[in-house]
């Protein structure tokens, strides 16, 4: 969707390496934002689920560390893989044709 924007950046002198770097930083920031919102919400939900269980059974709440670490890794892997795919697709496009294209 942003191919035209990237083609314009490349046409004004942005190197492919700097474009990759920009997209990598962007994916890291997006992942951190998603995790900053998702982890507290997810933990709040697990605590809310655990409250009725604790009233019936004497079970203490333990933080699901392994699940948290796996989710963080999966989020970063998905965003990194998506950026790699987008950069690979951009490398094969003609800059002028991409700028000229009108996508609705």
PDB file of N, CA and C in Angstrom:
ATOM      1  N   UNK A   1       0.824  -1.193   0.000  1.00  0.00           N
ATOM      2  CA  UNK A   1       0.000   0.000   0.000  1.00  0.00           C
ATOM      3  C   UNK A   1       0.867   1.256   0.000  1.00  0.00           C
ATOM      4  N   UNK A   2       2.053   1.173   0.557  1.00  0.00           N
ATOM      5  CA  UNK A   2       2.910   2.348   0.635  1.00  0.00           C
ATOM      6  C   UNK A   2       4.002   2.325  -0.415  1.00  0.00           C
ATOM      7  N   UNK A   3       3.838   1.505  -1.443  1.00  0.00           N
ATOM      8  CA  UNK A   3       4.862   1.365  -2.469  1.00  0.00           C
ATOM      9  C   UNK A   3       5.147   2.695  -3.153  1.00  0.00           C
ATOM     10  N   UNK A   4       4.112   3.473  -3.390  1.00  0.00           N
ATOM     11  CA  UNK A   4       4.302   4.763  -4.047  1.00  0.00           C
ATOM     12  C   UNK A   4       5.144   5.692  -3.172  1.00  0.00           C
ATOM     13  N   UNK A   5       4.858   5.722  -1.887  1.00  0.00           N
ATOM     14  CA  UNK A   5       5.634   6.544  -0.953  1.00  0.00           C
ATOM     15  C   UNK A   5       7.103   6.132  -0.950  1.00  0.00           C
ATOM     16  N   UNK A   6       7.368   4.837  -0.927  1.00  0.00           N
ATOM     17  CA  UNK A   6       8.745   4.361  -0.917  1.00  0.00           C
ATOM     18  C   UNK A   6       9.442   4.641  -2.243  1.00  0.00           C
ATOM     19  N   UNK A   7       8.701   4.553  -3.330  1.00  0.00           N
ATOM     20  CA  UNK A   7       9.282   4.867  -4.635  1.00  0.00           C
ATOM     21  C   UNK A   7       9.667   6.341  -4.704  1.00  0.00           C
ATOM     22  N   UNK A   8       8.853   7.210  -4.144  1.00  0.00           N
ATOM     23  CA  UNK A   8       9.188   8.638  -4.123  1.00  0.00           C
ATOM     24  C   UNK A   8      10.436   8.857  -3.277  1.00  0.00           C
ATOM     25  N   UNK A   9      10.527   8.213  -2.137  1.00  0.00           N
ATOM     26  CA  UNK A   9      11.716   8.350  -1.296  1.00  0.00           C
ATOM     27  C   UNK A   9      12.963   7.871  -2.029  1.00  0.00           C
ATOM     28  N   UNK A  10      12.845   6.777  -2.739  1.00  0.00           N
ATOM     29  CA  UNK A  10      13.989   6.269  -3.500  1.00  0.00           C
ATOM     30  C   UNK A  10      14.349   7.203  -4.648  1.00  0.00           C
ATOM     31  N   UNK A  11      13.339   7.835  -5.245  1.00  0.00           N
ATOM     32  CA  UNK A  11      13.618   8.721  -6.382  1.00  0.00           C
ATOM     33  C   UNK A  11      14.325  10.007  -5.955  1.00  0.00           C
ATOM     34  N   UNK A  12      14.152  10.427  -4.711  1.00  0.00           N
ATOM     35  CA  UNK A  12      14.825  11.637  -4.244  1.00  0.00           C
ATOM     36  C   UNK A  12      16.171  11.328  -3.597  1.00  0.00           C
ATOM     37  N   UNK A  13      16.612  10.086  -3.662  1.00  0.00           N
ATOM     38  CA  UNK A  13      17.968   9.760  -3.238  1.00  0.00           C
ATOM     39  C   UNK A  13      18.117   8.839  -2.056  1.00  0.00           C
ATOM     40  N   UNK A  14      17.047   8.318  -1.541  1.00  0.00           N
ATOM     41  CA  UNK A  14      17.163   7.382  -0.419  1.00  0.00           C
ATOM     42  C   UNK A  14      17.718   6.063  -0.938  1.00  0.00           C
ATOM     43  N   UNK A  15      18.763   5.587  -0.307  1.00  0.00           N
ATOM     44  CA  UNK A  15      19.372   4.336  -0.752  1.00  0.00           C
ATOM     45  C   UNK A  15      18.545   3.147  -0.281  1.00  0.00           C
ATOM     46  N   UNK A  16      18.685   2.016  -0.948  1.00  0.00           N
ATOM     47  CA  UNK A  16      17.951   0.822  -0.497  1.00  0.00           C
ATOM     48  C   UNK A  16      18.299   0.422   0.934  1.00  0.00           C
ATOM     49  N   UNK A  17      19.556   0.635   1.332  1.00  0.00           N
ATOM     50  CA  UNK A  17      19.950   0.294   2.699  1.00  0.00           C
ATOM     51  C   UNK A  17      19.254   1.192   3.718  1.00  0.00           C
ATOM     52  N   UNK A  18      19.157   2.486   3.410  1.00  0.00           N
ATOM     53  CA  UNK A  18      18.488   3.388   4.348  1.00  0.00           C
ATOM     54  C   UNK A  18      16.981   3.126   4.387  1.00  0.00           C
ATOM     55  N   UNK A  19      16.402   2.711   3.266  1.00  0.00           N
ATOM     56  CA  UNK A  19      14.985   2.347   3.250  1.00  0.00           C
ATOM     57  C   UNK A  19      14.746   1.116   4.112  1.00  0.00           C
ATOM     58  N   UNK A  20      15.621   0.119   3.983  1.00  0.00           N
ATOM     59  CA  UNK A  20      15.509  -1.075   4.821  1.00  0.00           C
ATOM     60  C   UNK A  20      15.653  -0.721   6.298  1.00  0.00           C
ATOM     61  N   UNK A  21      16.623   0.134   6.587  1.00  0.00           N
ATOM     62  CA  UNK A  21      16.835   0.556   7.965  1.00  0.00           C
ATOM     63  C   UNK A  21      15.604   1.278   8.517  1.00  0.00           C
ATOM     64  N   UNK A  22      15.029   2.165   7.724  1.00  0.00           N
ATOM     65  CA  UNK A  22      13.834   2.888   8.145  1.00  0.00           C
ATOM     66  C   UNK A  22      12.690   1.919   8.423  1.00  0.00           C
ATOM     67  N   UNK A  23      12.500   0.959   7.535  1.00  0.00           N
ATOM     68  CA  UNK A  23      11.417  -0.007   7.715  1.00  0.00           C
ATOM     69  C   UNK A  23      11.677  -0.922   8.914  1.00  0.00           C
ATOM     70  N   UNK A  24      12.930  -1.273   9.156  1.00  0.00           N
ATOM     71  CA  UNK A  24      13.241  -2.096  10.330  1.00  0.00           C
ATOM     72  C   UNK A  24      12.925  -1.348  11.618  1.00  0.00           C
ATOM     73  N   UNK A  25      13.328  -0.072  11.692  1.00  0.00           N
ATOM     74  CA  UNK A  25      13.016   0.719  12.880  1.00  0.00           C
ATOM     75  C   UNK A  25      11.510   0.907  13.043  1.00  0.00           C
ATOM     76  N   UNK A  26      10.831   1.089  11.928  1.00  0.00           N
ATOM     77  CA  UNK A  26       9.381   1.238  11.979  1.00  0.00           C
ATOM     78  C   UNK A  26       8.717  -0.028  12.502  1.00  0.00           C
ATOM     79  N   UNK A  27       9.200  -1.183  12.061  1.00  0.00           N
ATOM     80  CA  UNK A  27       8.603  -2.438  12.537  1.00  0.00           C
ATOM     81  C   UNK A  27       8.890  -2.644  14.018  1.00  0.00           C
ATOM     82  N   UNK A  28      10.069  -2.247  14.488  1.00  0.00           N
ATOM     83  CA  UNK A  28      10.384  -2.363  15.916  1.00  0.00           C
ATOM     84  C   UNK A  28       9.459  -1.464  16.733  1.00  0.00           C
ATOM     85  N   UNK A  29       9.271  -0.223  16.265  1.00  0.00           N
ATOM     86  CA  UNK A  29       8.390   0.700  16.984  1.00  0.00           C
ATOM     87  C   UNK A  29       6.943   0.209  17.001  1.00  0.00           C
ATOM     88  N   UNK A  30       6.475  -0.322  15.881  1.00  0.00           N
ATOM     89  CA  UNK A  30       5.107  -0.851  15.836  1.00  0.00           C
ATOM     90  C   UNK A  30       4.954  -2.055  16.766  1.00  0.00           C
ATOM     91  N   UNK A  31       5.958  -2.909  16.790  1.00  0.00           N
ATOM     92  CA  UNK A  31       5.913  -4.071  17.688  1.00  0.00           C
ATOM     93  C   UNK A  31       5.897  -3.632  19.142  1.00  0.00           C
ATOM     94  N   UNK A  32       6.749  -2.665  19.487  1.00  0.00           N
ATOM     95  CA  UNK A  32       6.784  -2.182  20.868  1.00  0.00           C
ATOM     96  C   UNK A  32       5.468  -1.533  21.273  1.00  0.00           C
ATOM     97  N   UNK A  33       4.860  -0.795  20.345  1.00  0.00           N
ATOM     98  CA  UNK A  33       3.570  -0.167  20.649  1.00  0.00           C
ATOM     99  C   UNK A  33       2.493  -1.231  20.873  1.00  0.00           C
ATOM    100  N   UNK A  34       2.477  -2.235  20.009  1.00  0.00           N
ATOM    101  CA  UNK A  34       1.486  -3.301  20.168  1.00  0.00           C
ATOM    102  C   UNK A  34       1.691  -4.061  21.474  1.00  0.00           C
ATOM    103  N   UNK A  35       2.943  -4.313  21.824  1.00  0.00           N
ATOM    104  CA  UNK A  35       3.223  -5.029  23.067  1.00  0.00           C
ATOM    105  C   UNK A  35       2.935  -4.168  24.294  1.00  0.00           C
ATOM    106  N   UNK A  36       3.180  -2.868  24.189  1.00  0.00           N
ATOM    107  CA  UNK A  36       2.907  -1.972  25.317  1.00  0.00           C
ATOM    108  C   UNK A  36       1.418  -1.909  25.626  1.00  0.00           C
ATOM    109  N   UNK A  37       0.601  -2.100  24.622  1.00  0.00           N
ATOM    110  CA  UNK A  37      -0.851  -2.116  24.831  1.00  0.00           C
ATOM    111  C   UNK A  37      -1.324  -3.529  25.162  1.00  0.00           C
ATOM    112  N   UNK A  38      -0.820  -4.510  24.430  1.00  0.00           N
ATOM    113  CA  UNK A  38      -1.318  -5.878  24.546  1.00  0.00           C
ATOM    114  C   UNK A  38      -0.937  -6.606  25.818  1.00  0.00           C
ATOM    115  N   UNK A  39       0.282  -6.408  26.290  1.00  0.00           N
ATOM    116  CA  UNK A  39       0.717  -7.139  27.488  1.00  0.00           C
ATOM    117  C   UNK A  39      -0.079  -6.724  28.726  1.00  0.00           C
ATOM    118  N   UNK A  40      -0.233  -5.423  29.013  1.00  0.00           N
ATOM    119  CA  UNK A  40      -1.046  -5.077  30.193  1.00  0.00           C
ATOM    120  C   UNK A  40      -2.505  -5.527  30.078  1.00  0.00           C
ATOM    121  N   UNK A  41      -3.076  -5.412  28.886  1.00  0.00           N
ATOM    122  CA  UNK A  41      -4.462  -5.849  28.702  1.00  0.00           C
ATOM    123  C   UNK A  41      -4.565  -7.359  28.897  1.00  0.00           C
ATOM    124  N   UNK A  42      -3.625  -8.104  28.328  1.00  0.00           N
ATOM    125  CA  UNK A  42      -3.637  -9.555  28.480  1.00  0.00           C
ATOM    126  C   UNK A  42      -3.456  -9.997  29.919  1.00  0.00           C
ATOM    127  N   UNK A  43      -2.545  -9.325  30.618  1.00  0.00           N
ATOM    128  CA  UNK A  43      -2.347  -9.667  32.031  1.00  0.00           C
ATOM    129  C   UNK A  43      -3.572  -9.319  32.866  1.00  0.00           C
ATOM    130  N   UNK A  44      -4.210  -8.201  32.565  1.00  0.00           N
ATOM    131  CA  UNK A  44      -5.430  -7.826  33.290  1.00  0.00           C
ATOM    132  C   UNK A  44      -6.527  -8.869  33.068  1.00  0.00           C
ATOM    133  N   UNK A  45      -6.629  -9.382  31.864  1.00  0.00           N
ATOM    134  CA  UNK A  45      -7.641 -10.403  31.573  1.00  0.00           C
ATOM    135  C   UNK A  45      -7.339 -11.688  32.329  1.00  0.00           C
ATOM    136  N   UNK A  46      -6.070 -12.094  32.371  1.00  0.00           N
ATOM    137  CA  UNK A  46      -5.750 -13.330  33.095  1.00  0.00           C
ATOM    138  C   UNK A  46      -5.977 -13.182  34.596  1.00  0.00           C
ATOM    139  N   UNK A  47      -5.695 -12.004  35.137  1.00  0.00           N
ATOM    140  CA  UNK A  47      -5.969 -11.771  36.557  1.00  0.00           C
ATOM    141  C   UNK A  47      -7.479 -11.784  36.806  1.00  0.00           C
ATOM    142  N   UNK A  48      -8.250 -11.165  35.897  1.00  0.00           N
ATOM    143  CA  UNK A  48      -9.710 -11.151  36.048  1.00  0.00           C
ATOM    144  C   UNK A  48     -10.293 -12.560  35.959  1.00  0.00           C
ATOM    145  N   UNK A  49      -9.712 -13.389  35.136  1.00  0.00           N
ATOM    146  CA  UNK A  49     -10.173 -14.785  35.036  1.00  0.00           C
ATOM    147  C   UNK A  49      -9.788 -15.555  36.292  1.00  0.00           C
ATOM    148  N   UNK A  50      -8.629 -15.226  36.848  1.00  0.00           N
ATOM    149  CA  UNK A  50      -8.133 -15.951  38.015  1.00  0.00           C
ATOM    150  C   UNK A  50      -8.884 -15.599  39.293  1.00  0.00           C
ATOM    151  N   UNK A  51      -9.466 -14.415  39.389  1.00  0.00           N
ATOM    152  CA  UNK A  51     -10.171 -14.007  40.610  1.00  0.00           C
ATOM    153  C   UNK A  51     -11.310 -14.944  40.996  1.00  0.00           C
ATOM    154  N   UNK A  52     -12.226 -15.300  40.100  1.00  0.00           N
ATOM    155  CA  UNK A  52     -13.284 -16.250  40.508  1.00  0.00           C
ATOM    156  C   UNK A  52     -12.738 -17.637  40.836  1.00  0.00           C
ATOM    157  N   UNK A  53     -11.678 -18.023  40.165  1.00  0.00           N
ATOM    158  CA  UNK A  53     -11.091 -19.337  40.438  1.00  0.00           C
ATOM    159  C   UNK A  53     -10.505 -19.365  41.848  1.00  0.00           C
ATOM    160  N   UNK A  54      -9.847 -18.255  42.242  1.00  0.00           N
ATOM    161  CA  UNK A  54      -9.270 -18.182  43.590  1.00  0.00           C
ATOM    162  C   UNK A  54     -10.334 -18.174  44.671  1.00  0.00           C
ATOM    163  N   UNK A  55     -11.531 -17.683  44.354  1.00  0.00           N
ATOM    164  CA  UNK A  55     -12.590 -17.692  45.368  1.00  0.00           C
ATOM    165  C   UNK A  55     -13.116 -19.109  45.609  1.00  0.00           C
ATOM    166  N   UNK A  56     -12.999 -19.977  44.610  1.00  0.00           N
ATOM    167  CA  UNK A  56     -13.459 -21.361  44.774  1.00  0.00           C
ATOM    168  C   UNK A  56     -12.342 -22.299  45.218  1.00  0.00           C
ATOM    169  N   UNK A  57     -11.151 -22.084  44.702  1.00  0.00           N
ATOM    170  CA  UNK A  57     -10.015 -22.955  45.010  1.00  0.00           C
ATOM    171  C   UNK A  57      -8.848 -22.094  45.483  1.00  0.00           C
ATOM    172  N   UNK A  58      -8.090 -22.564  46.436  1.00  0.00           N
ATOM    173  CA  UNK A  58      -6.936 -21.779  46.915  1.00  0.00           C
ATOM    174  C   UNK A  58      -5.737 -21.902  45.966  1.00  0.00           C
ATOM    175  N   UNK A  59      -5.855 -21.260  44.816  1.00  0.00           N
ATOM    176  CA  UNK A  59      -4.795 -21.308  43.808  1.00  0.00           C
ATOM    177  C   UNK A  59      -4.190 -19.914  43.696  1.00  0.00           C
ATOM    178  N   UNK A  60      -2.883 -19.831  43.837  1.00  0.00           N
ATOM    179  CA  UNK A  60      -2.242 -18.523  43.708  1.00  0.00           C
ATOM    180  C   UNK A  60      -1.998 -18.208  42.230  1.00  0.00           C
ATOM    181  N   UNK A  61      -1.960 -16.928  41.941  1.00  0.00           N
ATOM    182  CA  UNK A  61      -1.728 -16.485  40.560  1.00  0.00           C
ATOM    183  C   UNK A  61      -0.228 -16.396  40.308  1.00  0.00           C
ATOM    184  N   UNK A  62       0.208 -17.010  39.250  1.00  0.00           N
ATOM    185  CA  UNK A  62       1.600 -16.892  38.832  1.00  0.00           C
ATOM    186  C   UNK A  62       1.628 -16.281  37.434  1.00  0.00           C
ATOM    187  N   UNK A  63       2.580 -15.430  37.221  1.00  0.00           N
ATOM    188  CA  UNK A  63       2.717 -14.757  35.939  1.00  0.00           C
ATOM    189  C   UNK A  63       3.162 -15.763  34.874  1.00  0.00           C
ATOM    190  N   UNK A  64       2.486 -15.801  33.731  1.00  0.00           N
ATOM    191  CA  UNK A  64       2.856 -16.758  32.679  1.00  0.00           C
ATOM    192  C   UNK A  64       4.074 -16.268  31.887  1.00  0.00           C
ATOM    193  N   UNK A  65       5.258 -16.390  32.480  1.00  0.00           N
ATOM    194  CA  UNK A  65       6.472 -15.850  31.869  1.00  0.00           C
ATOM    195  C   UNK A  65       6.776 -16.466  30.511  1.00  0.00           C
ATOM    196  N   UNK A  66       6.658 -17.763  30.386  1.00  0.00           N
ATOM    197  CA  UNK A  66       6.972 -18.428  29.126  1.00  0.00           C
ATOM    198  C   UNK A  66       6.045 -17.943  28.010  1.00  0.00           C
ATOM    199  N   UNK A  67       4.764 -17.815  28.310  1.00  0.00           N
ATOM    200  CA  UNK A  67       3.804 -17.328  27.319  1.00  0.00           C
ATOM    201  C   UNK A  67       4.109 -15.888  26.920  1.00  0.00           C
ATOM    202  N   UNK A  68       4.480 -15.070  27.892  1.00  0.00           N
ATOM    203  CA  UNK A  68       4.836 -13.682  27.596  1.00  0.00           C
ATOM    204  C   UNK A  68       6.041 -13.600  26.670  1.00  0.00           C
ATOM    205  N   UNK A  69       7.070 -14.355  26.982  1.00  0.00           N
ATOM    206  CA  UNK A  69       8.280 -14.339  26.162  1.00  0.00           C
ATOM    207  C   UNK A  69       7.995 -14.849  24.762  1.00  0.00           C
ATOM    208  N   UNK A  70       7.223 -15.923  24.654  1.00  0.00           N
ATOM    209  CA  UNK A  70       6.884 -16.459  23.337  1.00  0.00           C
ATOM    210  C   UNK A  70       6.053 -15.473  22.524  1.00  0.00           C
ATOM    211  N   UNK A  71       5.111 -14.805  23.156  1.00  0.00           N
ATOM    212  CA  UNK A  71       4.290 -13.818  22.445  1.00  0.00           C
ATOM    213  C   UNK A  71       5.123 -12.648  21.953  1.00  0.00           C
ATOM    214  N   UNK A  72       6.043 -12.173  22.778  1.00  0.00           N
ATOM    215  CA  UNK A  72       6.917 -11.071  22.363  1.00  0.00           C
ATOM    216  C   UNK A  72       7.763 -11.500  21.166  1.00  0.00           C
ATOM    217  N   UNK A  73       8.329 -12.691  21.231  1.00  0.00           N
ATOM    218  CA  UNK A  73       9.134 -13.185  20.117  1.00  0.00           C
ATOM    219  C   UNK A  73       8.310 -13.352  18.840  1.00  0.00           C
ATOM    220  N   UNK A  74       7.105 -13.869  18.967  1.00  0.00           N
ATOM    221  CA  UNK A  74       6.249 -14.070  17.799  1.00  0.00           C
ATOM    222  C   UNK A  74       5.843 -12.733  17.182  1.00  0.00           C
ATOM    223  N   UNK A  75       5.538 -11.745  18.007  1.00  0.00           N
ATOM    224  CA  UNK A  75       5.169 -10.427  17.483  1.00  0.00           C
ATOM    225  C   UNK A  75       6.331  -9.831  16.699  1.00  0.00           C
ATOM    226  N   UNK A  76       7.536  -9.879  17.278  1.00  0.00           N
ATOM    227  CA  UNK A  76       8.694  -9.342  16.564  1.00  0.00           C
ATOM    228  C   UNK A  76       8.995 -10.144  15.303  1.00  0.00           C
ATOM    229  N   UNK A  77       8.835 -11.450  15.342  1.00  0.00           N
ATOM    230  CA  UNK A  77       9.085 -12.284  14.165  1.00  0.00           C
ATOM    231  C   UNK A  77       8.095 -11.984  13.047  1.00  0.00           C
ATOM    232  N   UNK A  78       6.836 -11.825  13.381  1.00  0.00           N
ATOM    233  CA  UNK A  78       5.817 -11.531  12.370  1.00  0.00           C
ATOM    234  C   UNK A  78       6.063 -10.173  11.720  1.00  0.00           C
ATOM    235  N   UNK A  79       6.341  -9.152  12.530  1.00  0.00           N
ATOM    236  CA  UNK A  79       6.569  -7.830  11.941  1.00  0.00           C
ATOM    237  C   UNK A  79       7.859  -7.798  11.136  1.00  0.00           C
ATOM    238  N   UNK A  80       8.906  -8.461  11.611  1.00  0.00           N
ATOM    239  CA  UNK A  80      10.159  -8.498  10.858  1.00  0.00           C
ATOM    240  C   UNK A  80       9.975  -9.229   9.533  1.00  0.00           C
ATOM    241  N   UNK A  81       9.250 -10.344   9.563  1.00  0.00           N
ATOM    242  CA  UNK A  81       9.010 -11.107   8.336  1.00  0.00           C
ATOM    243  C   UNK A  81       8.167 -10.301   7.351  1.00  0.00           C
ATOM    244  N   UNK A  82       7.194  -9.572   7.837  1.00  0.00           N
ATOM    245  CA  UNK A  82       6.366  -8.740   6.969  1.00  0.00           C
ATOM    246  C   UNK A  82       7.198  -7.644   6.317  1.00  0.00           C
ATOM    247  N   UNK A  83       8.087  -7.032   7.073  1.00  0.00           N
ATOM    248  CA  UNK A  83       8.962  -5.993   6.518  1.00  0.00           C
ATOM    249  C   UNK A  83       9.917  -6.597   5.491  1.00  0.00           C
ATOM    250  N   UNK A  84      10.467  -7.741   5.770  1.00  0.00           N
ATOM    251  CA  UNK A  84      11.368  -8.404   4.809  1.00  0.00           C
ATOM    252  C   UNK A  84      10.633  -8.673   3.497  1.00  0.00           C
ATOM    253  N   UNK A  85       9.405  -9.141   3.578  1.00  0.00           N
ATOM    254  CA  UNK A  85       8.615  -9.411   2.373  1.00  0.00           C
ATOM    255  C   UNK A  85       8.346  -8.124   1.603  1.00  0.00           C
ATOM    256  N   UNK A  86       8.005  -7.057   2.315  1.00  0.00           N
ATOM    257  CA  UNK A  86       7.712  -5.786   1.646  1.00  0.00           C
ATOM    258  C   UNK A  86       8.958  -5.218   0.976  1.00  0.00           C
ATOM    259  N   UNK A  87      10.102  -5.296   1.642  1.00  0.00           N
ATOM    260  CA  UNK A  87      11.340  -4.790   1.049  1.00  0.00           C
ATOM    261  C   UNK A  87      11.728  -5.611  -0.169  1.00  0.00           C
ATOM    262  N   UNK A  88      11.562  -6.909  -0.091  1.00  0.00           N
ATOM    263  CA  UNK A  88      11.871  -7.774  -1.239  1.00  0.00           C
ATOM    264  C   UNK A  88      10.977  -7.431  -2.425  1.00  0.00           C
ATOM    265  N   UNK A  89       9.719  -7.175  -2.142  1.00  0.00           N
ATOM    266  CA  UNK A  89       8.784  -6.818  -3.211  1.00  0.00           C
ATOM    267  C   UNK A  89       9.124  -5.448  -3.802  1.00  0.00           C
ATOM    268  N   UNK A  90       9.550  -4.506  -2.948  1.00  0.00           N
ATOM    269  CA  UNK A  90       9.914  -3.171  -3.419  1.00  0.00           C
ATOM    270  C   UNK A  90      11.165  -3.179  -4.284  1.00  0.00           C
ATOM    271  N   UNK A  91      12.098  -4.060  -3.980  1.00  0.00           N
ATOM    272  CA  UNK A  91      13.348  -4.120  -4.750  1.00  0.00           C
ATOM    273  C   UNK A  91      13.111  -4.495  -6.202  1.00  0.00           C
ATOM    274  N   UNK A  92      12.046  -5.204  -6.481  1.00  0.00           N
ATOM    275  CA  UNK A  92      11.774  -5.652  -7.848  1.00  0.00           C
ATOM    276  C   UNK A  92      10.937  -4.666  -8.646  1.00  0.00           C
ATOM    277  N   UNK A  93      10.443  -3.601  -8.020  1.00  0.00           N
ATOM    278  CA  UNK A  93       9.565  -2.664  -8.718  1.00  0.00           C
ATOM    279  C   UNK A  93      10.357  -1.551  -9.380  1.00  0.00           C
ATOM    280  N   UNK A  94       9.820  -1.080 -10.494  1.00  0.00           N
ATOM    281  CA  UNK A  94      10.380   0.066 -11.187  1.00  0.00           C
ATOM    282  C   UNK A  94       9.910   1.332 -10.475  1.00  0.00           C
ATOM    283  N   UNK A  95      10.840   2.220 -10.165  1.00  0.00           N
ATOM    284  CA  UNK A  95      10.511   3.419  -9.381  1.00  0.00           C
ATOM    285  C   UNK A  95       9.514   4.308 -10.126  1.00  0.00           C
ATOM    286  N   UNK A  96       9.770   4.565 -11.388  1.00  0.00           N
ATOM    287  CA  UNK A  96       8.919   5.482 -12.160  1.00  0.00           C
ATOM    288  C   UNK A  96       7.519   4.909 -12.340  1.00  0.00           C
ATOM    289  N   UNK A  97       7.422   3.638 -12.661  1.00  0.00           N
ATOM    290  CA  UNK A  97       6.113   3.013 -12.843  1.00  0.00           C
ATOM    291  C   UNK A  97       5.327   2.969 -11.539  1.00  0.00           C
ATOM    292  N   UNK A  98       6.023   2.777 -10.453  1.00  0.00           N
ATOM    293  CA  UNK A  98       5.344   2.749  -9.153  1.00  0.00           C
ATOM    294  C   UNK A  98       4.791   4.119  -8.806  1.00  0.00           C
ATOM    295  N   UNK A  99       5.575   5.174  -9.086  1.00  0.00           N
ATOM    296  CA  UNK A  99       5.097   6.536  -8.806  1.00  0.00           C
ATOM    297  C   UNK A  99       3.912   6.886  -9.693  1.00  0.00           C
ATOM    298  N   UNK A 100       3.955   6.475 -10.931  1.00  0.00           N
ATOM    299  CA  UNK A 100       2.870   6.791 -11.876  1.00  0.00           C
ATOM    300  C   UNK A 100       1.580   6.032 -11.569  1.00  0.00           C
ATOM    301  N   UNK A 101       1.702   4.871 -10.952  1.00  0.00           N
ATOM    302  CA  UNK A 101       0.507   4.038 -10.746  1.00  0.00           C
ATOM    303  C   UNK A 101      -0.476   4.716  -9.824  1.00  0.00           C
ATOM    304  N   UNK A 102      -1.729   4.657 -10.188  1.00  0.00           N
ATOM    305  CA  UNK A 102      -2.825   5.200  -9.369  1.00  0.00           C
ATOM    306  C   UNK A 102      -3.592   4.023  -8.788  1.00  0.00           C
ATOM    307  N   UNK A 103      -3.388   3.773  -7.510  1.00  0.00           N
ATOM    308  CA  UNK A 103      -4.097   2.676  -6.855  1.00  0.00           C
ATOM    309  C   UNK A 103      -5.234   3.254  -6.049  1.00  0.00           C
ATOM    310  N   UNK A 104      -6.399   2.628  -6.202  1.00  0.00           N
ATOM    311  CA  UNK A 104      -7.591   3.095  -5.496  1.00  0.00           C
ATOM    312  C   UNK A 104      -7.823   2.230  -4.287  1.00  0.00           C
TER     313      UNK A 104
END
